[in-house]
């Protein structure tokens, strides 16, 4: 995780924002935190460390990949068993008022909150691929919060809503396996994996290795769901990231190198085929519009 995203840990248990806050912590030699409550929801995503969480009177061991949700008013604290081992986690706070706002848009946003309140289930386990997809969304949101880009105020709520709906859907489908076919779940997991690793090698060989599936089976299911090959989908995704990055001021060279194009000629051909214009002309045209 990039150090630039890291926050210094604070024992503050109140929000500075009225809607939501997100932090990434990576601490060593952190002392135990006193048991406490707060008036907002806390989503906790555990990355590493030798830690348990006390929630009410119960002690919950946590492992990398676990998501923990603590509702308002419930006493909790981390119990650190080994201060020498780095303690890493994302912590997302969201106010009850903003949750109510989301519920006014769709009841689907409230599934997790209701589950936590009625079943008193607070810890949710994730496999590596699923958790990587969550971390990718958290990282994207935190980068946007810390950046100073055009449209930031409009983009952040979109990312927040996307994150919360993703988490609600994830747990819902885990609890209702009949509602999502195996092939649909595989397709969605592949899409999530691609998004989380868009800057890396995404050959069909690698993807089939990650999912322990044959290349033919993955290619067939992916094409059946989207009508595109995996290669076409990845290319379109990479082009979208490149285009957005160029618009935000990144150089064309940095954009295509960052998002997985091996050389400029292949990037140029793909970009012009997708958008009908060269990368340079696209950048110059939009620079004129934004002036």
C-alpha atoms as a PDB file:
ATOM      1  CA  UNK A   1       0.000   0.000   0.000  1.00  0.00           C
ATOM      2  CA  UNK A   2       1.297   3.454  -0.875  1.00  0.00           C
ATOM      3  CA  UNK A   3       2.628   5.417   2.093  1.00  0.00           C
ATOM      4  CA  UNK A   4       1.063   8.584   0.705  1.00  0.00           C
ATOM      5  CA  UNK A   5      -2.370   7.141   1.530  1.00  0.00           C
ATOM      6  CA  UNK A   6      -1.464   6.359   5.132  1.00  0.00           C
ATOM      7  CA  UNK A   7      -2.916   8.356   8.023  1.00  0.00           C
ATOM      8  CA  UNK A   8      -1.463   8.800  11.476  1.00  0.00           C
ATOM      9  CA  UNK A   9      -3.633   6.886  13.938  1.00  0.00           C
ATOM     10  CA  UNK A  10      -5.798   8.972  16.242  1.00  0.00           C
ATOM     11  CA  UNK A  11      -7.975   7.879  19.154  1.00  0.00           C
ATOM     12  CA  UNK A  12     -10.601  10.398  18.020  1.00  0.00           C
ATOM     13  CA  UNK A  13     -13.994   8.689  18.021  1.00  0.00           C
ATOM     14  CA  UNK A  14     -16.089  11.349  16.311  1.00  0.00           C
ATOM     15  CA  UNK A  15     -16.405  12.316  12.670  1.00  0.00           C
ATOM     16  CA  UNK A  16     -15.110  15.556  11.205  1.00  0.00           C
ATOM     17  CA  UNK A  17     -17.288  15.096   8.138  1.00  0.00           C
ATOM     18  CA  UNK A  18     -21.055  14.823   8.402  1.00  0.00           C
ATOM     19  CA  UNK A  19     -21.314  11.948   5.905  1.00  0.00           C
ATOM     20  CA  UNK A  20     -18.272   9.637   5.681  1.00  0.00           C
ATOM     21  CA  UNK A  21     -14.536   9.328   6.301  1.00  0.00           C
ATOM     22  CA  UNK A  22     -11.965   6.788   5.146  1.00  0.00           C
ATOM     23  CA  UNK A  23      -8.519   6.040   6.597  1.00  0.00           C
ATOM     24  CA  UNK A  24      -5.685   3.651   5.878  1.00  0.00           C
ATOM     25  CA  UNK A  25      -3.533   2.814   8.918  1.00  0.00           C
ATOM     26  CA  UNK A  26      -0.262   0.897   9.109  1.00  0.00           C
ATOM     27  CA  UNK A  27       0.989   1.000  12.688  1.00  0.00           C
ATOM     28  CA  UNK A  28       3.834  -0.548  14.628  1.00  0.00           C
ATOM     29  CA  UNK A  29       4.132  -0.446  18.417  1.00  0.00           C
ATOM     30  CA  UNK A  30       0.503   0.620  18.738  1.00  0.00           C
ATOM     31  CA  UNK A  31      -0.883   0.276  22.242  1.00  0.00           C
ATOM     32  CA  UNK A  32      -4.325  -1.106  22.953  1.00  0.00           C
ATOM     33  CA  UNK A  33      -7.243   1.236  22.425  1.00  0.00           C
ATOM     34  CA  UNK A  34      -9.813   1.652  25.176  1.00  0.00           C
ATOM     35  CA  UNK A  35     -13.248   0.186  24.594  1.00  0.00           C
ATOM     36  CA  UNK A  36     -15.521   2.813  23.098  1.00  0.00           C
ATOM     37  CA  UNK A  37     -18.694   3.523  21.123  1.00  0.00           C
ATOM     38  CA  UNK A  38     -19.609   6.045  18.477  1.00  0.00           C
ATOM     39  CA  UNK A  39     -22.757   7.277  16.747  1.00  0.00           C
ATOM     40  CA  UNK A  40     -21.855   6.160  13.205  1.00  0.00           C
ATOM     41  CA  UNK A  41     -21.234   2.881  11.377  1.00  0.00           C
ATOM     42  CA  UNK A  42     -17.661   1.636  11.248  1.00  0.00           C
ATOM     43  CA  UNK A  43     -16.539  -0.639   8.405  1.00  0.00           C
ATOM     44  CA  UNK A  44     -13.198  -2.233   9.207  1.00  0.00           C
ATOM     45  CA  UNK A  45     -11.102  -4.072   6.598  1.00  0.00           C
ATOM     46  CA  UNK A  46      -8.247  -6.068   8.121  1.00  0.00           C
ATOM     47  CA  UNK A  47      -5.009  -6.315   6.134  1.00  0.00           C
ATOM     48  CA  UNK A  48      -2.516  -7.681   8.645  1.00  0.00           C
ATOM     49  CA  UNK A  49      -1.322  -7.895  12.236  1.00  0.00           C
ATOM     50  CA  UNK A  50      -1.756 -10.034  15.325  1.00  0.00           C
ATOM     51  CA  UNK A  51      -5.064  -8.610  16.495  1.00  0.00           C
ATOM     52  CA  UNK A  52      -8.482  -9.579  17.825  1.00  0.00           C
ATOM     53  CA  UNK A  53     -11.535  -7.363  18.074  1.00  0.00           C
ATOM     54  CA  UNK A  54     -13.746  -7.124  21.098  1.00  0.00           C
ATOM     55  CA  UNK A  55     -17.309  -6.320  20.073  1.00  0.00           C
ATOM     56  CA  UNK A  56     -19.667  -5.980  23.020  1.00  0.00           C
ATOM     57  CA  UNK A  57     -18.555  -8.830  25.320  1.00  0.00           C
ATOM     58  CA  UNK A  58     -17.276 -11.200  22.614  1.00  0.00           C
ATOM     59  CA  UNK A  59     -13.706 -11.522  21.309  1.00  0.00           C
ATOM     60  CA  UNK A  60     -13.383 -12.076  17.550  1.00  0.00           C
ATOM     61  CA  UNK A  61     -10.055 -13.213  16.069  1.00  0.00           C
ATOM     62  CA  UNK A  62      -9.567 -11.585  12.655  1.00  0.00           C
ATOM     63  CA  UNK A  63      -7.562 -12.703   9.647  1.00  0.00           C
ATOM     64  CA  UNK A  64      -6.397 -10.795   6.554  1.00  0.00           C
ATOM     65  CA  UNK A  65      -9.388 -10.413   4.261  1.00  0.00           C
ATOM     66  CA  UNK A  66     -11.964 -10.006   7.016  1.00  0.00           C
ATOM     67  CA  UNK A  67     -14.517  -7.205   6.981  1.00  0.00           C
ATOM     68  CA  UNK A  68     -16.013  -6.111  10.282  1.00  0.00           C
ATOM     69  CA  UNK A  69     -19.064  -3.866  10.657  1.00  0.00           C
ATOM     70  CA  UNK A  70     -19.760  -2.161  13.970  1.00  0.00           C
ATOM     71  CA  UNK A  71     -23.120  -0.368  14.220  1.00  0.00           C
ATOM     72  CA  UNK A  72     -23.663   2.835  16.214  1.00  0.00           C
ATOM     73  CA  UNK A  73     -23.718   2.508  19.985  1.00  0.00           C
ATOM     74  CA  UNK A  74     -21.988  -0.880  20.171  1.00  0.00           C
ATOM     75  CA  UNK A  75     -18.906  -1.016  22.421  1.00  0.00           C
ATOM     76  CA  UNK A  76     -15.765  -2.337  20.762  1.00  0.00           C
ATOM     77  CA  UNK A  77     -11.980  -2.164  20.725  1.00  0.00           C
ATOM     78  CA  UNK A  78      -8.949  -3.794  19.076  1.00  0.00           C
ATOM     79  CA  UNK A  79      -6.855  -6.121  21.202  1.00  0.00           C
ATOM     80  CA  UNK A  80      -3.273  -6.130  19.957  1.00  0.00           C
ATOM     81  CA  UNK A  81      -1.441  -9.339  20.802  1.00  0.00           C
ATOM     82  CA  UNK A  82       1.952  -8.463  19.300  1.00  0.00           C
ATOM     83  CA  UNK A  83       2.885  -4.791  19.037  1.00  0.00           C
ATOM     84  CA  UNK A  84       5.959  -5.603  16.949  1.00  0.00           C
ATOM     85  CA  UNK A  85       3.873  -6.965  14.083  1.00  0.00           C
ATOM     86  CA  UNK A  86       2.566  -4.180  11.801  1.00  0.00           C
ATOM     87  CA  UNK A  87      -1.151  -3.610  12.206  1.00  0.00           C
ATOM     88  CA  UNK A  88      -2.709  -2.624   8.859  1.00  0.00           C
ATOM     89  CA  UNK A  89      -6.334  -1.888   8.058  1.00  0.00           C
ATOM     90  CA  UNK A  90      -8.772   0.392   6.264  1.00  0.00           C
ATOM     91  CA  UNK A  91     -11.395   2.066   8.425  1.00  0.00           C
ATOM     92  CA  UNK A  92     -14.503   3.568   6.817  1.00  0.00           C
ATOM     93  CA  UNK A  93     -16.934   5.643   8.866  1.00  0.00           C
ATOM     94  CA  UNK A  94     -20.390   6.502   7.590  1.00  0.00           C
ATOM     95  CA  UNK A  95     -23.043   8.481   9.435  1.00  0.00           C
ATOM     96  CA  UNK A  96     -26.537   7.219  10.143  1.00  0.00           C
ATOM     97  CA  UNK A  97     -27.898  10.258   8.331  1.00  0.00           C
ATOM     98  CA  UNK A  98     -26.063   9.365   5.135  1.00  0.00           C
ATOM     99  CA  UNK A  99     -27.203   5.748   5.465  1.00  0.00           C
ATOM    100  CA  UNK A 100     -30.780   6.998   5.680  1.00  0.00           C
ATOM    101  CA  UNK A 101     -30.188   9.083   2.569  1.00  0.00           C
ATOM    102  CA  UNK A 102     -28.999   5.980   0.704  1.00  0.00           C
ATOM    103  CA  UNK A 103     -32.010   4.010   1.936  1.00  0.00           C
ATOM    104  CA  UNK A 104     -34.254   6.702   0.464  1.00  0.00           C
ATOM    105  CA  UNK A 105     -32.646   5.914  -2.899  1.00  0.00           C
ATOM    106  CA  UNK A 106     -32.843   2.119  -2.591  1.00  0.00           C
ATOM    107  CA  UNK A 107     -33.478  -0.362   0.199  1.00  0.00           C
ATOM    108  CA  UNK A 108     -30.635  -2.464  -1.252  1.00  0.00           C
ATOM    109  CA  UNK A 109     -28.146  -0.209   0.545  1.00  0.00           C
ATOM    110  CA  UNK A 110     -29.554  -1.303   3.893  1.00  0.00           C
ATOM    111  CA  UNK A 111     -29.127  -5.066   3.668  1.00  0.00           C
ATOM    112  CA  UNK A 112     -25.837  -5.179   5.573  1.00  0.00           C
ATOM    113  CA  UNK A 113     -26.992  -2.777   8.270  1.00  0.00           C
ATOM    114  CA  UNK A 114     -30.126  -4.821   8.836  1.00  0.00           C
ATOM    115  CA  UNK A 115     -28.163  -8.060   8.900  1.00  0.00           C
ATOM    116  CA  UNK A 116     -25.756  -6.706  11.504  1.00  0.00           C
ATOM    117  CA  UNK A 117     -28.582  -5.402  13.671  1.00  0.00           C
ATOM    118  CA  UNK A 118     -30.854  -8.454  13.528  1.00  0.00           C
ATOM    119  CA  UNK A 119     -28.378 -11.339  13.459  1.00  0.00           C
ATOM    120  CA  UNK A 120     -25.653  -9.594  15.407  1.00  0.00           C
ATOM    121  CA  UNK A 121     -23.164 -10.896  12.846  1.00  0.00           C
ATOM    122  CA  UNK A 122     -20.274  -8.481  12.696  1.00  0.00           C
ATOM    123  CA  UNK A 123     -17.386 -10.330  11.014  1.00  0.00           C
ATOM    124  CA  UNK A 124     -17.464 -11.341   7.341  1.00  0.00           C
ATOM    125  CA  UNK A 125     -14.737 -13.448   5.742  1.00  0.00           C
ATOM    126  CA  UNK A 126     -13.559 -12.988   2.156  1.00  0.00           C
ATOM    127  CA  UNK A 127     -11.350 -14.963  -0.170  1.00  0.00           C
ATOM    128  CA  UNK A 128      -8.226 -13.304  -1.547  1.00  0.00           C
ATOM    129  CA  UNK A 129      -9.688 -12.329  -4.911  1.00  0.00           C
ATOM    130  CA  UNK A 130     -12.854 -10.846  -3.425  1.00  0.00           C
ATOM    131  CA  UNK A 131     -10.900  -8.903  -0.805  1.00  0.00           C
ATOM    132  CA  UNK A 132      -8.547  -7.543  -3.471  1.00  0.00           C
ATOM    133  CA  UNK A 133     -11.614  -6.192  -5.270  1.00  0.00           C
ATOM    134  CA  UNK A 134     -12.747  -4.468  -2.065  1.00  0.00           C
ATOM    135  CA  UNK A 135      -9.288  -2.993  -1.479  1.00  0.00           C
ATOM    136  CA  UNK A 136      -9.187  -1.712  -5.054  1.00  0.00           C
ATOM    137  CA  UNK A 137     -12.421   0.199  -4.462  1.00  0.00           C
ATOM    138  CA  UNK A 138     -11.212   1.534  -1.101  1.00  0.00           C
ATOM    139  CA  UNK A 139      -7.906   2.646  -2.611  1.00  0.00           C
ATOM    140  CA  UNK A 140      -9.663   4.352  -5.513  1.00  0.00           C
ATOM    141  CA  UNK A 141     -11.934   6.200  -3.077  1.00  0.00           C
ATOM    142  CA  UNK A 142      -9.086   7.242  -0.773  1.00  0.00           C
ATOM    143  CA  UNK A 143      -6.972   8.471  -3.692  1.00  0.00           C
ATOM    144  CA  UNK A 144      -9.884  10.585  -4.892  1.00  0.00           C
ATOM    145  CA  UNK A 145     -10.430  11.988  -1.391  1.00  0.00           C
ATOM    146  CA  UNK A 146      -6.775  12.996  -1.105  1.00  0.00           C
ATOM    147  CA  UNK A 147      -6.429  14.356  -4.641  1.00  0.00           C
ATOM    148  CA  UNK A 148      -7.389  17.775  -5.899  1.00  0.00           C
ATOM    149  CA  UNK A 149      -8.952  16.897  -9.228  1.00  0.00           C
ATOM    150  CA  UNK A 150     -11.735  18.484 -11.219  1.00  0.00           C
ATOM    151  CA  UNK A 151     -15.076  16.922 -10.319  1.00  0.00           C
ATOM    152  CA  UNK A 152     -13.859  15.577  -6.978  1.00  0.00           C
ATOM    153  CA  UNK A 153     -17.012  16.613  -5.148  1.00  0.00           C
ATOM    154  CA  UNK A 154     -19.177  14.757  -7.645  1.00  0.00           C
ATOM    155  CA  UNK A 155     -16.921  11.712  -7.998  1.00  0.00           C
ATOM    156  CA  UNK A 156     -16.480  10.833  -4.316  1.00  0.00           C
ATOM    157  CA  UNK A 157     -20.179  10.129  -3.586  1.00  0.00           C
ATOM    158  CA  UNK A 158     -20.291   7.911  -6.688  1.00  0.00           C
ATOM    159  CA  UNK A 159     -17.350   5.878  -5.379  1.00  0.00           C
ATOM    160  CA  UNK A 160     -18.900   5.681  -1.895  1.00  0.00           C
ATOM    161  CA  UNK A 161     -22.206   4.416  -3.264  1.00  0.00           C
ATOM    162  CA  UNK A 162     -20.408   1.945  -5.529  1.00  0.00           C
ATOM    163  CA  UNK A 163     -18.415   0.599  -2.577  1.00  0.00           C
ATOM    164  CA  UNK A 164     -21.449   0.208  -0.311  1.00  0.00           C
ATOM    165  CA  UNK A 165     -23.609  -1.426  -2.956  1.00  0.00           C
ATOM    166  CA  UNK A 166     -20.746  -3.796  -3.800  1.00  0.00           C
ATOM    167  CA  UNK A 167     -20.416  -4.828  -0.140  1.00  0.00           C
ATOM    168  CA  UNK A 168     -24.170  -5.295   0.253  1.00  0.00           C
ATOM    169  CA  UNK A 169     -24.363  -7.394  -2.906  1.00  0.00           C
ATOM    170  CA  UNK A 170     -21.340  -9.428  -1.866  1.00  0.00           C
ATOM    171  CA  UNK A 171     -22.835 -10.467   1.475  1.00  0.00           C
ATOM    172  CA  UNK A 172     -26.339 -10.882   0.064  1.00  0.00           C
ATOM    173  CA  UNK A 173     -25.151 -13.298  -2.626  1.00  0.00           C
ATOM    174  CA  UNK A 174     -23.069 -15.146  -0.055  1.00  0.00           C
ATOM    175  CA  UNK A 175     -26.227 -15.676   2.000  1.00  0.00           C
ATOM    176  CA  UNK A 176     -28.442 -16.359  -1.038  1.00  0.00           C
ATOM    177  CA  UNK A 177     -26.339 -18.568  -3.299  1.00  0.00           C
ATOM    178  CA  UNK A 178     -29.339 -19.635  -5.378  1.00  0.00           C
ATOM    179  CA  UNK A 179     -29.885 -16.024  -6.496  1.00  0.00           C
ATOM    180  CA  UNK A 180     -26.674 -15.929  -8.513  1.00  0.00           C
ATOM    181  CA  UNK A 181     -25.602 -18.732 -10.835  1.00  0.00           C
ATOM    182  CA  UNK A 182     -22.094 -20.102 -10.668  1.00  0.00           C
ATOM    183  CA  UNK A 183     -21.276 -18.732 -14.095  1.00  0.00           C
ATOM    184  CA  UNK A 184     -22.569 -15.267 -13.225  1.00  0.00           C
ATOM    185  CA  UNK A 185     -20.492 -15.251 -10.031  1.00  0.00           C
ATOM    186  CA  UNK A 186     -17.405 -16.368 -11.922  1.00  0.00           C
ATOM    187  CA  UNK A 187     -17.938 -13.668 -14.527  1.00  0.00           C
ATOM    188  CA  UNK A 188     -18.332 -10.977 -11.856  1.00  0.00           C
ATOM    189  CA  UNK A 189     -15.275 -12.185  -9.964  1.00  0.00           C
ATOM    190  CA  UNK A 190     -13.213 -12.073 -13.160  1.00  0.00           C
ATOM    191  CA  UNK A 191     -14.372  -8.504 -13.799  1.00  0.00           C
ATOM    192  CA  UNK A 192     -13.472  -7.529 -10.231  1.00  0.00           C
ATOM    193  CA  UNK A 193     -10.069  -9.182 -10.537  1.00  0.00           C
ATOM    194  CA  UNK A 194      -9.353  -7.340 -13.790  1.00  0.00           C
ATOM    195  CA  UNK A 195     -10.259  -3.995 -12.244  1.00  0.00           C
ATOM    196  CA  UNK A 196      -8.091  -4.662  -9.182  1.00  0.00           C
ATOM    197  CA  UNK A 197      -5.071  -5.634 -11.324  1.00  0.00           C
ATOM    198  CA  UNK A 198      -5.550  -3.418 -14.376  1.00  0.00           C
ATOM    199  CA  UNK A 199      -1.926  -2.201 -14.183  1.00  0.00           C
ATOM    200  CA  UNK A 200      -0.495  -5.729 -14.223  1.00  0.00           C
ATOM    201  CA  UNK A 201      -0.167  -8.673 -16.600  1.00  0.00           C
ATOM    202  CA  UNK A 202      -3.686  -9.917 -17.334  1.00  0.00           C
ATOM    203  CA  UNK A 203      -3.071 -12.770 -19.721  1.00  0.00           C
ATOM    204  CA  UNK A 204      -5.692 -15.484 -19.982  1.00  0.00           C
ATOM    205  CA  UNK A 205      -3.078 -17.857 -18.577  1.00  0.00           C
ATOM    206  CA  UNK A 206      -2.743 -15.777 -15.420  1.00  0.00           C
ATOM    207  CA  UNK A 207      -6.485 -15.371 -14.950  1.00  0.00           C
ATOM    208  CA  UNK A 208      -7.136 -19.082 -15.417  1.00  0.00           C
ATOM    209  CA  UNK A 209      -4.411 -19.798 -12.844  1.00  0.00           C
ATOM    210  CA  UNK A 210      -5.925 -17.403 -10.337  1.00  0.00           C
ATOM    211  CA  UNK A 211      -9.389 -18.979 -10.658  1.00  0.00           C
ATOM    212  CA  UNK A 212      -8.270 -22.595 -11.073  1.00  0.00           C
ATOM    213  CA  UNK A 213     -10.363 -22.854 -14.232  1.00  0.00           C
ATOM    214  CA  UNK A 214      -9.467 -23.823 -17.792  1.00  0.00           C
ATOM    215  CA  UNK A 215      -8.788 -20.991 -20.214  1.00  0.00           C
ATOM    216  CA  UNK A 216     -11.533 -22.280 -22.500  1.00  0.00           C
ATOM    217  CA  UNK A 217     -14.159 -22.304 -19.730  1.00  0.00           C
ATOM    218  CA  UNK A 218     -13.312 -18.767 -18.577  1.00  0.00           C
ATOM    219  CA  UNK A 219     -13.256 -17.424 -22.135  1.00  0.00           C
ATOM    220  CA  UNK A 220     -16.596 -19.058 -22.919  1.00  0.00           C
ATOM    221  CA  UNK A 221     -18.372 -17.744 -19.817  1.00  0.00           C
ATOM    222  CA  UNK A 222     -16.945 -14.260 -20.221  1.00  0.00           C
ATOM    223  CA  UNK A 223     -17.992 -14.005 -23.880  1.00  0.00           C
ATOM    224  CA  UNK A 224     -21.460 -15.353 -23.053  1.00  0.00           C
ATOM    225  CA  UNK A 225     -22.000 -12.653 -20.400  1.00  0.00           C
ATOM    226  CA  UNK A 226     -20.633  -9.632 -22.231  1.00  0.00           C
ATOM    227  CA  UNK A 227     -20.319 -10.550 -25.892  1.00  0.00           C
ATOM    228  CA  UNK A 228     -16.640  -9.612 -25.838  1.00  0.00           C
ATOM    229  CA  UNK A 229     -13.500 -11.628 -25.375  1.00  0.00           C
ATOM    230  CA  UNK A 230     -11.529 -11.110 -22.190  1.00  0.00           C
ATOM    231  CA  UNK A 231      -8.788  -9.445 -24.227  1.00  0.00           C
ATOM    232  CA  UNK A 232     -11.273  -6.966 -25.737  1.00  0.00           C
ATOM    233  CA  UNK A 233     -12.749  -6.190 -22.321  1.00  0.00           C
ATOM    234  CA  UNK A 234      -9.333  -5.615 -20.736  1.00  0.00           C
ATOM    235  CA  UNK A 235      -8.298  -3.387 -23.618  1.00  0.00           C
ATOM    236  CA  UNK A 236     -11.465  -1.291 -23.269  1.00  0.00           C
ATOM    237  CA  UNK A 237     -10.930  -1.010 -19.512  1.00  0.00           C
ATOM    238  CA  UNK A 238      -7.320   0.069 -19.978  1.00  0.00           C
ATOM    239  CA  UNK A 239      -8.276   2.597 -22.623  1.00  0.00           C
ATOM    240  CA  UNK A 240     -10.880   4.083 -20.282  1.00  0.00           C
ATOM    241  CA  UNK A 241      -8.296   4.512 -17.514  1.00  0.00           C
ATOM    242  CA  UNK A 242      -5.792   5.978 -19.992  1.00  0.00           C
ATOM    243  CA  UNK A 243      -8.355   8.429 -21.364  1.00  0.00           C
ATOM    244  CA  UNK A 244      -9.383   9.587 -17.888  1.00  0.00           C
ATOM    245  CA  UNK A 245      -5.749   9.949 -16.824  1.00  0.00           C
ATOM    246  CA  UNK A 246      -4.855  11.980 -19.923  1.00  0.00           C
ATOM    247  CA  UNK A 247      -7.803  14.274 -19.242  1.00  0.00           C
ATOM    248  CA  UNK A 248      -6.591  14.754 -15.656  1.00  0.00           C
ATOM    249  CA  UNK A 249      -3.157  15.886 -16.883  1.00  0.00           C
ATOM    250  CA  UNK A 250      -1.085  12.702 -16.961  1.00  0.00           C
ATOM    251  CA  UNK A 251       1.279  12.463 -19.910  1.00  0.00           C
ATOM    252  CA  UNK A 252       0.313  10.094 -22.704  1.00  0.00           C
ATOM    253  CA  UNK A 253       3.475   8.055 -22.110  1.00  0.00           C
ATOM    254  CA  UNK A 254       2.814   7.646 -18.382  1.00  0.00           C
ATOM    255  CA  UNK A 255      -0.813   6.748 -19.056  1.00  0.00           C
ATOM    256  CA  UNK A 256      -0.222   3.900 -21.473  1.00  0.00           C
ATOM    257  CA  UNK A 257       2.738   2.559 -19.477  1.00  0.00           C
ATOM    258  CA  UNK A 258       0.781   2.698 -16.210  1.00  0.00           C
ATOM    259  CA  UNK A 259      -2.242   0.851 -17.511  1.00  0.00           C
ATOM    260  CA  UNK A 260      -0.641  -2.117 -19.152  1.00  0.00           C
ATOM    261  CA  UNK A 261       0.089  -1.227 -22.779  1.00  0.00           C
ATOM    262  CA  UNK A 262       3.480  -2.604 -23.709  1.00  0.00           C
ATOM    263  CA  UNK A 263       4.348   0.010 -26.323  1.00  0.00           C
ATOM    264  CA  UNK A 264       3.013   3.198 -27.847  1.00  0.00           C
ATOM    265  CA  UNK A 265       2.156   1.728 -31.248  1.00  0.00           C
ATOM    266  CA  UNK A 266      -0.254  -0.859 -29.797  1.00  0.00           C
ATOM    267  CA  UNK A 267      -1.762   1.802 -27.530  1.00  0.00           C
ATOM    268  CA  UNK A 268      -2.113   4.216 -30.455  1.00  0.00           C
ATOM    269  CA  UNK A 269      -3.898   1.660 -32.633  1.00  0.00           C
ATOM    270  CA  UNK A 270      -6.260   0.595 -29.859  1.00  0.00           C
ATOM    271  CA  UNK A 271      -7.035   4.179 -28.827  1.00  0.00           C
ATOM    272  CA  UNK A 272      -7.767   5.336 -32.364  1.00  0.00           C
ATOM    273  CA  UNK A 273      -9.920   2.280 -33.044  1.00  0.00           C
ATOM    274  CA  UNK A 274     -11.941   2.876 -29.872  1.00  0.00           C
ATOM    275  CA  UNK A 275     -12.323   6.671 -30.025  1.00  0.00           C
ATOM    276  CA  UNK A 276     -11.690   7.478 -33.688  1.00  0.00           C
ATOM    277  CA  UNK A 277      -8.918   9.938 -32.867  1.00  0.00           C
ATOM    278  CA  UNK A 278      -5.247   9.753 -31.875  1.00  0.00           C
ATOM    279  CA  UNK A 279      -4.291  10.118 -28.177  1.00  0.00           C
ATOM    280  CA  UNK A 280      -2.467  13.384 -28.868  1.00  0.00           C
ATOM    281  CA  UNK A 281      -5.352  14.871 -30.849  1.00  0.00           C
ATOM    282  CA  UNK A 282      -7.775  13.771 -28.129  1.00  0.00           C
ATOM    283  CA  UNK A 283      -5.667  15.440 -25.441  1.00  0.00           C
ATOM    284  CA  UNK A 284      -5.262  18.654 -27.463  1.00  0.00           C
ATOM    285  CA  UNK A 285      -8.955  18.805 -28.368  1.00  0.00           C
ATOM    286  CA  UNK A 286     -10.051  18.452 -24.762  1.00  0.00           C
ATOM    287  CA  UNK A 287      -7.420  20.907 -23.578  1.00  0.00           C
ATOM    288  CA  UNK A 288      -9.012  23.486 -25.824  1.00  0.00           C
ATOM    289  CA  UNK A 289     -12.472  22.701 -24.480  1.00  0.00           C
ATOM    290  CA  UNK A 290     -11.357  23.006 -20.843  1.00  0.00           C
ATOM    291  CA  UNK A 291      -9.622  26.344 -21.330  1.00  0.00           C
END
